[in-house]
Each structure stands twice: as C-alpha cells, then as structure tokens.
C-alpha cells in the first residue's frame, strides 16, 4: 500500500533528505533516532525500531605468560637442614634410604639427628615474560551518510 495519498506524506513517515541540515523543509524534522545508524529491514531477525550494533568492538585477548626454568645454586637456597632417618641398633643394614648410624635409645635423645645447615638465602631470578595486545576494531560496513527526516 503506497504511503503517498492525496494529502502527501503522512505524519511519522521517514525519507532521505537531499539537502543539508539547515534546509530541512517546513513540516519535517531531523529523524534524530536514525542519526549515525544504518538501516536494516525489520520483520525477521530484527523488530521495528530495534537498535543494535556498535561502531567499534574490542575483542577478548588471551595473554601468554611464561617463567623460565631455573635451578637454584647452593648459594641461592634458603639456609636449611634435613632430618636424618636412622637405623636403630640391631636393625637390618640393607634398609634403603637410611643412614647407617647406631644411636642411643630414642628414650635418651632430646632432638632428632639433622644434616649440617646448607644454603645462604641469596636472591635468584627465574626470568619471565608476558605478551598481549588488543585494540578496537572498526565494525562498520561500507556506507554513505544521508539525512533522514520525519514528517511532523
């Protein structure tokens, strides 16, 4: 059904204006809700009057971080000692992982046997790095700017 009738354009009708913003004809106004908007047909995926989209989008970026392998030297290790597991008198000498020391009965010991202190707590560095980047992406389609006016 044509929108033109004997009286011309109906109130609310929208059209492209071929002039400038300063010479919009009497009885018409700038269709402000259409400024900086592209027109998409409604009735399928979009409803009449629905506004959507953006001029730019910033995508999600995955950042990579890594730490280089590093083996501590004796000077870089914290000062520490290790308790020594011991073999009680009369037990087998073949027990794996035990120091071959005959000790006095556990009832008379007041502290465990430990290795000598080692290390000095000096600083050390692993070396590390990270990389990431993101920037806005222009998502506008190729377009031409026009002036949309609406009949009062």
N, C-alpha and C. Protein backbone atom coordinates (compact mmCIF):
# COMPACT_ATOMS: atom_id res chain seq x y z
N UNK A 1 0.85 -1.17 0.00
CA UNK A 1 0.00 0.00 0.00
C UNK A 1 0.90 1.24 0.00
N UNK A 2 0.78 2.12 -0.94
CA UNK A 2 1.63 3.32 -1.01
C UNK A 2 1.34 4.27 0.15
N UNK A 3 2.40 4.90 0.65
CA UNK A 3 2.27 5.85 1.76
C UNK A 3 1.85 7.22 1.24
N UNK A 4 1.98 7.46 -0.04
CA UNK A 4 1.53 8.74 -0.59
C UNK A 4 0.03 8.67 -0.83
N UNK A 5 -0.65 9.72 -0.49
CA UNK A 5 -2.08 9.81 -0.78
C UNK A 5 -2.36 11.21 -1.28
N UNK A 6 -3.60 11.55 -1.43
CA UNK A 6 -3.97 12.87 -1.96
C UNK A 6 -3.37 13.99 -1.13
N UNK A 7 -3.18 13.76 0.17
CA UNK A 7 -2.64 14.80 1.05
C UNK A 7 -1.13 14.78 1.15
N UNK A 8 -0.46 13.86 0.47
CA UNK A 8 1.00 13.80 0.53
C UNK A 8 1.50 12.83 1.60
N UNK A 9 2.62 13.14 2.24
CA UNK A 9 3.23 12.29 3.26
C UNK A 9 2.41 12.33 4.54
N UNK A 10 2.36 11.20 5.23
CA UNK A 10 1.63 11.11 6.50
C UNK A 10 2.59 11.38 7.65
N UNK A 11 2.06 11.84 8.78
CA UNK A 11 2.88 12.09 9.97
C UNK A 11 3.60 10.80 10.38
N UNK A 12 4.90 10.94 10.68
CA UNK A 12 5.71 9.78 11.07
C UNK A 12 6.46 9.15 9.93
N UNK A 13 6.08 9.49 8.67
CA UNK A 13 6.81 8.94 7.53
C UNK A 13 8.25 9.45 7.55
N UNK A 14 9.18 8.61 7.10
CA UNK A 14 10.59 8.94 7.08
C UNK A 14 11.08 8.86 5.64
N UNK A 15 11.95 9.82 5.29
CA UNK A 15 12.55 9.78 3.96
C UNK A 15 13.94 10.36 4.01
N UNK A 16 14.69 10.12 2.93
CA UNK A 16 16.02 10.69 2.81
C UNK A 16 15.87 12.11 2.30
N UNK A 17 16.58 13.03 2.94
CA UNK A 17 16.57 14.44 2.54
C UNK A 17 17.82 14.70 1.70
N UNK A 18 17.65 15.30 0.56
CA UNK A 18 18.78 15.52 -0.35
C UNK A 18 19.50 16.84 -0.09
N UNK A 19 19.03 17.61 0.88
CA UNK A 19 19.66 18.90 1.18
C UNK A 19 20.65 18.79 2.33
N UNK A 20 20.67 19.88 3.13
CA UNK A 20 21.55 19.94 4.29
C UNK A 20 20.70 19.99 5.57
N UNK A 21 21.34 19.94 6.70
CA UNK A 21 20.62 20.04 7.97
C UNK A 21 19.96 21.41 8.12
N UNK A 22 20.53 22.42 7.46
CA UNK A 22 19.99 23.79 7.58
C UNK A 22 18.77 24.03 6.70
N UNK A 23 18.51 23.15 5.74
CA UNK A 23 17.36 23.42 4.84
C UNK A 23 16.32 22.30 4.83
N UNK A 24 16.08 21.71 6.03
CA UNK A 24 15.02 20.70 6.15
C UNK A 24 13.69 21.41 5.90
N UNK A 25 12.85 20.86 5.04
CA UNK A 25 11.60 21.56 4.67
C UNK A 25 10.66 21.75 5.87
N UNK A 26 9.83 22.76 5.77
CA UNK A 26 8.82 23.03 6.77
C UNK A 26 7.90 21.81 6.89
N UNK A 27 7.50 21.45 8.12
CA UNK A 27 6.64 20.30 8.33
C UNK A 27 7.41 19.00 8.50
N UNK A 28 8.74 19.07 8.47
CA UNK A 28 9.61 17.91 8.63
C UNK A 28 10.63 18.20 9.73
N UNK A 29 11.16 17.16 10.34
CA UNK A 29 12.21 17.31 11.35
C UNK A 29 13.29 16.26 11.10
N UNK A 30 14.47 16.52 11.68
CA UNK A 30 15.54 15.53 11.61
C UNK A 30 15.07 14.29 12.35
N UNK A 31 15.22 13.14 11.76
CA UNK A 31 14.89 11.87 12.43
C UNK A 31 16.07 11.50 13.31
N UNK A 32 16.10 12.13 14.51
CA UNK A 32 17.27 12.02 15.40
C UNK A 32 17.61 10.58 15.78
N UNK A 33 16.61 9.72 15.89
CA UNK A 33 16.89 8.33 16.26
C UNK A 33 17.58 7.56 15.14
N UNK A 34 17.72 8.17 13.97
CA UNK A 34 18.39 7.50 12.85
C UNK A 34 19.76 8.10 12.56
N UNK A 35 20.17 9.11 13.33
CA UNK A 35 21.48 9.72 13.14
C UNK A 35 22.55 8.69 13.49
N UNK A 36 23.56 8.56 12.66
CA UNK A 36 24.66 7.61 12.82
C UNK A 36 24.20 6.16 12.87
N UNK A 37 23.12 5.84 12.19
CA UNK A 37 22.58 4.47 12.15
C UNK A 37 22.48 4.02 10.70
N UNK A 38 22.71 2.73 10.48
CA UNK A 38 22.45 2.12 9.18
C UNK A 38 21.04 1.54 9.24
N UNK A 39 20.39 1.41 8.11
CA UNK A 39 19.03 0.88 8.06
C UNK A 39 19.09 -0.61 7.71
N UNK A 40 18.34 -1.42 8.48
CA UNK A 40 18.24 -2.86 8.25
C UNK A 40 16.76 -3.19 8.21
N UNK A 41 16.36 -4.04 7.27
CA UNK A 41 14.96 -4.42 7.18
C UNK A 41 14.48 -5.17 8.42
N UNK A 42 13.30 -4.81 8.92
CA UNK A 42 12.71 -5.46 10.10
C UNK A 42 11.74 -6.55 9.65
N UNK A 43 11.38 -7.41 10.59
CA UNK A 43 10.39 -8.44 10.31
C UNK A 43 10.94 -9.85 10.39
N UNK A 44 12.24 -9.99 10.37
CA UNK A 44 12.86 -11.31 10.51
C UNK A 44 13.63 -11.35 11.82
N UNK A 45 14.92 -11.19 11.72
CA UNK A 45 15.78 -11.23 12.91
C UNK A 45 15.65 -9.97 13.76
N UNK A 46 15.14 -8.87 13.18
CA UNK A 46 15.06 -7.59 13.89
C UNK A 46 13.63 -7.09 13.95
N UNK A 47 13.30 -6.46 15.09
CA UNK A 47 11.97 -5.88 15.27
C UNK A 47 11.97 -4.43 14.82
N UNK A 48 10.83 -3.90 14.44
CA UNK A 48 10.70 -2.50 14.06
C UNK A 48 11.19 -1.63 15.22
N UNK A 49 12.07 -0.67 14.94
CA UNK A 49 12.58 0.25 15.95
C UNK A 49 13.74 -0.29 16.78
N UNK A 50 14.09 -1.55 16.63
CA UNK A 50 15.18 -2.14 17.40
C UNK A 50 16.49 -1.49 17.00
N UNK A 51 17.29 -1.10 18.00
CA UNK A 51 18.62 -0.54 17.74
C UNK A 51 19.67 -1.55 18.20
N UNK A 52 20.73 -1.68 17.45
CA UNK A 52 21.76 -2.67 17.76
C UNK A 52 23.06 -2.25 17.10
N UNK A 53 24.12 -2.94 17.45
CA UNK A 53 25.42 -2.72 16.82
C UNK A 53 26.25 -1.67 17.55
N UNK A 54 27.48 -1.53 17.10
CA UNK A 54 28.43 -0.57 17.66
C UNK A 54 29.41 -0.17 16.57
N UNK A 55 29.98 1.02 16.72
CA UNK A 55 30.98 1.46 15.74
C UNK A 55 32.27 0.66 15.87
N UNK A 56 32.61 0.29 17.09
CA UNK A 56 33.84 -0.44 17.33
C UNK A 56 33.61 -1.54 18.35
N UNK A 57 34.41 -2.58 18.26
CA UNK A 57 34.36 -3.70 19.19
C UNK A 57 35.79 -3.99 19.62
N UNK A 58 36.00 -4.25 20.92
CA UNK A 58 37.31 -4.68 21.39
C UNK A 58 37.22 -6.16 21.71
N UNK A 59 37.93 -6.99 20.98
CA UNK A 59 37.82 -8.44 21.18
C UNK A 59 38.50 -8.88 22.48
N UNK A 60 38.12 -10.05 22.98
CA UNK A 60 38.82 -10.65 24.11
C UNK A 60 40.17 -11.14 23.62
N UNK A 61 41.18 -10.88 24.41
CA UNK A 61 42.54 -11.26 24.04
C UNK A 61 43.08 -12.24 25.09
N UNK A 62 43.72 -13.29 24.65
CA UNK A 62 44.38 -14.23 25.56
C UNK A 62 45.81 -13.75 25.76
N UNK A 63 46.22 -13.67 27.02
CA UNK A 63 47.56 -13.22 27.35
C UNK A 63 48.42 -14.44 27.67
N UNK A 64 49.62 -14.46 27.14
CA UNK A 64 50.56 -15.54 27.41
C UNK A 64 51.58 -15.08 28.43
N UNK A 65 51.80 -15.89 29.46
CA UNK A 65 52.80 -15.60 30.49
C UNK A 65 53.67 -16.84 30.64
N UNK A 66 54.96 -16.63 30.79
CA UNK A 66 55.84 -17.77 30.97
C UNK A 66 56.92 -17.44 32.00
N UNK A 67 57.41 -18.46 32.67
CA UNK A 67 58.52 -18.35 33.61
C UNK A 67 59.58 -19.34 33.15
N UNK A 68 60.79 -18.84 32.97
CA UNK A 68 61.88 -19.70 32.53
C UNK A 68 62.29 -20.65 33.65
N UNK A 69 62.75 -21.84 33.28
CA UNK A 69 63.26 -22.79 34.26
C UNK A 69 64.52 -22.24 34.90
N UNK A 70 64.71 -22.56 36.18
CA UNK A 70 65.92 -22.13 36.88
C UNK A 70 66.21 -23.11 38.00
N UNK A 71 67.41 -23.62 38.05
CA UNK A 71 67.82 -24.50 39.15
C UNK A 71 68.62 -23.66 40.13
N UNK A 72 68.20 -23.69 41.41
CA UNK A 72 68.89 -22.89 42.43
C UNK A 72 70.29 -23.45 42.69
N UNK A 73 71.24 -22.52 42.82
CA UNK A 73 72.59 -22.93 43.26
C UNK A 73 72.55 -23.04 44.78
N UNK A 74 73.60 -23.60 45.37
CA UNK A 74 73.66 -23.73 46.82
C UNK A 74 73.57 -22.36 47.49
N UNK A 75 74.20 -21.36 46.89
CA UNK A 75 74.17 -20.01 47.47
C UNK A 75 72.77 -19.39 47.42
N UNK A 76 71.94 -19.81 46.47
CA UNK A 76 70.61 -19.24 46.33
C UNK A 76 69.55 -19.93 47.18
N UNK A 77 69.87 -21.13 47.70
CA UNK A 77 68.90 -21.86 48.51
C UNK A 77 68.77 -21.24 49.89
N UNK A 78 67.58 -21.26 50.47
CA UNK A 78 67.44 -20.82 51.86
C UNK A 78 68.26 -21.73 52.77
N UNK A 79 68.79 -21.14 53.84
CA UNK A 79 69.53 -21.94 54.80
C UNK A 79 68.57 -22.97 55.41
N UNK A 80 69.00 -24.24 55.46
CA UNK A 80 68.12 -25.30 55.93
C UNK A 80 68.92 -26.55 56.29
N UNK A 81 68.28 -27.47 56.98
CA UNK A 81 68.87 -28.76 57.32
C UNK A 81 67.81 -29.82 57.06
N UNK A 82 68.24 -31.07 56.91
CA UNK A 82 67.32 -32.18 56.69
C UNK A 82 67.43 -33.15 57.86
N UNK A 83 66.29 -33.60 58.40
CA UNK A 83 66.37 -34.64 59.43
C UNK A 83 66.91 -35.93 58.80
N UNK A 84 67.74 -36.63 59.53
CA UNK A 84 68.32 -37.86 59.01
C UNK A 84 67.58 -39.06 59.57
N UNK A 85 67.00 -39.89 58.72
CA UNK A 85 66.42 -41.13 59.22
C UNK A 85 67.56 -42.04 59.66
N UNK A 86 67.39 -42.68 60.77
CA UNK A 86 68.48 -43.51 61.29
C UNK A 86 68.04 -44.96 61.46
N UNK A 87 69.06 -45.86 61.53
CA UNK A 87 68.81 -47.27 61.76
C UNK A 87 69.02 -47.54 63.24
N UNK A 88 68.01 -48.12 63.86
CA UNK A 88 68.14 -48.46 65.27
C UNK A 88 69.11 -49.62 65.41
N UNK A 89 69.78 -49.67 66.54
CA UNK A 89 70.72 -50.79 66.75
C UNK A 89 70.02 -52.13 66.56
N UNK A 90 70.68 -53.02 65.86
CA UNK A 90 70.15 -54.36 65.66
C UNK A 90 69.24 -54.49 64.45
N UNK A 91 68.91 -53.37 63.75
CA UNK A 91 68.05 -53.48 62.57
C UNK A 91 68.90 -53.78 61.35
N UNK A 92 68.27 -54.12 60.26
CA UNK A 92 68.97 -54.54 59.05
C UNK A 92 69.74 -53.37 58.45
N UNK A 93 70.95 -53.62 57.97
CA UNK A 93 71.75 -52.59 57.30
C UNK A 93 71.31 -52.37 55.86
N UNK A 94 70.45 -53.20 55.35
CA UNK A 94 70.08 -53.11 53.94
C UNK A 94 68.85 -52.23 53.71
N UNK A 95 68.34 -51.57 54.75
CA UNK A 95 67.16 -50.73 54.55
C UNK A 95 67.53 -49.54 53.66
N UNK A 96 66.86 -49.38 52.56
CA UNK A 96 67.16 -48.32 51.60
C UNK A 96 66.75 -46.96 52.16
N UNK A 97 67.60 -45.96 51.99
CA UNK A 97 67.27 -44.61 52.38
C UNK A 97 67.61 -44.28 53.81
N UNK A 98 68.25 -45.17 54.54
CA UNK A 98 68.58 -44.90 55.94
C UNK A 98 70.08 -44.75 56.09
N UNK A 99 70.47 -43.81 56.98
CA UNK A 99 71.88 -43.60 57.29
C UNK A 99 72.31 -44.68 58.27
N UNK A 100 73.48 -45.25 58.05
CA UNK A 100 73.96 -46.35 58.91
C UNK A 100 74.64 -45.77 60.15
N UNK A 101 73.82 -45.32 61.12
CA UNK A 101 74.34 -44.76 62.37
C UNK A 101 73.67 -45.51 63.51
N UNK A 102 74.49 -46.03 64.43
CA UNK A 102 73.91 -46.62 65.63
C UNK A 102 73.68 -45.49 66.61
N UNK A 103 72.46 -45.34 67.09
CA UNK A 103 72.15 -44.25 68.02
C UNK A 103 71.77 -44.82 69.36
N UNK A 104 71.87 -43.98 70.33
CA UNK A 104 71.44 -44.34 71.67
C UNK A 104 69.93 -44.50 71.62
N UNK A 105 69.38 -45.22 72.49
CA UNK A 105 67.94 -45.46 72.55
C UNK A 105 67.18 -44.15 72.39
N UNK A 106 66.06 -44.17 71.65
CA UNK A 106 65.26 -42.96 71.43
C UNK A 106 64.75 -42.37 72.73
N UNK A 107 64.71 -43.15 73.78
CA UNK A 107 64.24 -42.63 75.06
C UNK A 107 65.22 -41.61 75.64
N UNK A 108 66.51 -41.69 75.27
CA UNK A 108 67.50 -40.77 75.84
C UNK A 108 67.82 -39.60 74.91
N UNK A 109 67.33 -39.59 73.64
CA UNK A 109 67.60 -38.48 72.69
C UNK A 109 66.62 -37.35 72.95
N UNK A 110 67.09 -36.10 72.92
CA UNK A 110 66.21 -34.95 73.12
C UNK A 110 65.93 -34.22 71.80
N UNK A 111 66.66 -34.49 70.73
CA UNK A 111 66.42 -33.85 69.43
C UNK A 111 66.77 -34.83 68.33
N UNK A 112 66.14 -34.68 67.15
CA UNK A 112 66.47 -35.59 66.05
C UNK A 112 67.83 -35.28 65.47
N UNK A 113 68.42 -36.25 64.78
CA UNK A 113 69.66 -36.00 64.05
C UNK A 113 69.34 -35.22 62.79
N UNK A 114 70.14 -34.20 62.46
CA UNK A 114 69.94 -33.39 61.26
C UNK A 114 71.24 -33.30 60.49
N UNK A 115 71.14 -33.03 59.20
CA UNK A 115 72.32 -32.76 58.39
C UNK A 115 72.83 -31.37 58.77
N UNK A 116 74.04 -31.03 58.31
CA UNK A 116 74.55 -29.68 58.55
C UNK A 116 73.73 -28.67 57.75
N UNK A 117 73.67 -27.42 58.27
CA UNK A 117 72.97 -26.37 57.53
C UNK A 117 73.65 -26.14 56.19
N UNK A 118 72.87 -25.86 55.17
CA UNK A 118 73.39 -25.55 53.84
C UNK A 118 72.55 -24.43 53.26
N UNK A 119 73.11 -23.66 52.34
CA UNK A 119 72.38 -22.58 51.70
C UNK A 119 72.65 -21.25 52.39
N UNK A 120 72.29 -20.15 51.71
CA UNK A 120 72.55 -18.84 52.30
C UNK A 120 71.46 -17.82 52.00
N UNK A 121 70.41 -18.18 51.32
CA UNK A 121 69.26 -17.30 51.07
C UNK A 121 69.57 -16.11 50.17
N UNK A 122 70.52 -16.24 49.27
CA UNK A 122 70.76 -15.15 48.32
C UNK A 122 69.64 -15.12 47.28
N UNK A 123 69.42 -13.96 46.71
CA UNK A 123 68.36 -13.79 45.72
C UNK A 123 68.66 -14.59 44.45
N UNK A 124 67.59 -14.89 43.74
CA UNK A 124 67.74 -15.55 42.44
C UNK A 124 66.61 -15.07 41.53
N UNK A 125 66.83 -15.22 40.25
CA UNK A 125 65.82 -14.78 39.29
C UNK A 125 65.49 -15.92 38.34
N UNK A 126 64.24 -15.99 37.95
CA UNK A 126 63.81 -17.02 37.01
C UNK A 126 63.79 -16.50 35.58
N UNK A 127 63.60 -15.23 35.40
CA UNK A 127 63.37 -14.70 34.07
C UNK A 127 61.95 -15.03 33.68
N UNK A 128 61.21 -14.07 33.26
CA UNK A 128 59.81 -14.29 32.90
C UNK A 128 59.43 -13.33 31.78
N UNK A 129 58.31 -13.58 31.18
CA UNK A 129 57.83 -12.69 30.13
C UNK A 129 56.34 -12.83 29.96
N UNK A 130 55.76 -11.85 29.31
CA UNK A 130 54.33 -11.87 29.01
C UNK A 130 54.09 -11.10 27.73
N UNK A 131 53.04 -11.46 27.03
CA UNK A 131 52.69 -10.71 25.83
C UNK A 131 51.18 -10.72 25.66
N UNK A 132 50.67 -9.58 25.28
CA UNK A 132 49.26 -9.47 24.93
C UNK A 132 49.05 -8.15 24.22
N UNK A 133 47.98 -8.06 23.49
CA UNK A 133 47.64 -6.80 22.85
C UNK A 133 46.17 -6.83 22.49
N UNK A 134 45.60 -5.65 22.44
CA UNK A 134 44.23 -5.54 21.95
C UNK A 134 44.03 -4.13 21.46
N UNK A 135 43.19 -3.98 20.50
CA UNK A 135 42.83 -2.66 20.00
C UNK A 135 41.42 -2.75 19.44
N UNK A 136 40.78 -1.60 19.38
CA UNK A 136 39.41 -1.57 18.88
C UNK A 136 39.41 -1.90 17.39
N UNK A 137 38.41 -2.61 16.96
CA UNK A 137 38.25 -2.97 15.55
C UNK A 137 37.02 -2.24 15.02
N UNK A 138 37.18 -1.54 13.92
CA UNK A 138 36.06 -0.85 13.30
C UNK A 138 35.15 -1.89 12.67
N UNK A 139 33.89 -1.91 13.06
CA UNK A 139 32.96 -2.93 12.57
C UNK A 139 31.92 -2.37 11.60
N UNK A 140 32.09 -1.11 11.20
CA UNK A 140 31.10 -0.52 10.29
C UNK A 140 31.25 -1.07 8.88
N UNK A 141 30.11 -1.28 8.25
CA UNK A 141 30.13 -1.69 6.85
C UNK A 141 30.35 -0.45 5.98
N UNK A 142 30.78 -0.64 4.74
CA UNK A 142 30.91 0.50 3.83
C UNK A 142 29.53 1.14 3.68
N UNK A 143 29.46 2.44 3.87
CA UNK A 143 28.17 3.13 3.91
C UNK A 143 28.27 4.50 3.27
N UNK A 144 27.15 5.13 3.12
CA UNK A 144 27.09 6.53 2.70
C UNK A 144 26.17 7.25 3.68
N UNK A 145 26.60 8.41 4.15
CA UNK A 145 25.81 9.16 5.13
C UNK A 145 24.73 9.97 4.41
N UNK A 146 23.53 9.85 4.92
CA UNK A 146 22.40 10.62 4.38
C UNK A 146 21.67 11.28 5.55
N UNK A 147 20.80 12.23 5.23
CA UNK A 147 19.99 12.88 6.25
C UNK A 147 18.60 12.28 6.19
N UNK A 148 18.17 11.67 7.31
CA UNK A 148 16.83 11.11 7.41
C UNK A 148 15.94 12.16 8.07
N UNK A 149 14.81 12.44 7.43
CA UNK A 149 13.85 13.37 8.04
C UNK A 149 12.50 12.67 8.23
N UNK A 150 11.74 13.20 9.19
CA UNK A 150 10.45 12.60 9.54
C UNK A 150 9.37 13.67 9.42
N UNK A 151 8.24 13.27 8.82
CA UNK A 151 7.09 14.15 8.63
C UNK A 151 6.45 14.40 9.99
N UNK A 152 6.20 15.66 10.30
CA UNK A 152 5.51 16.03 11.55
C UNK A 152 4.02 15.82 11.42
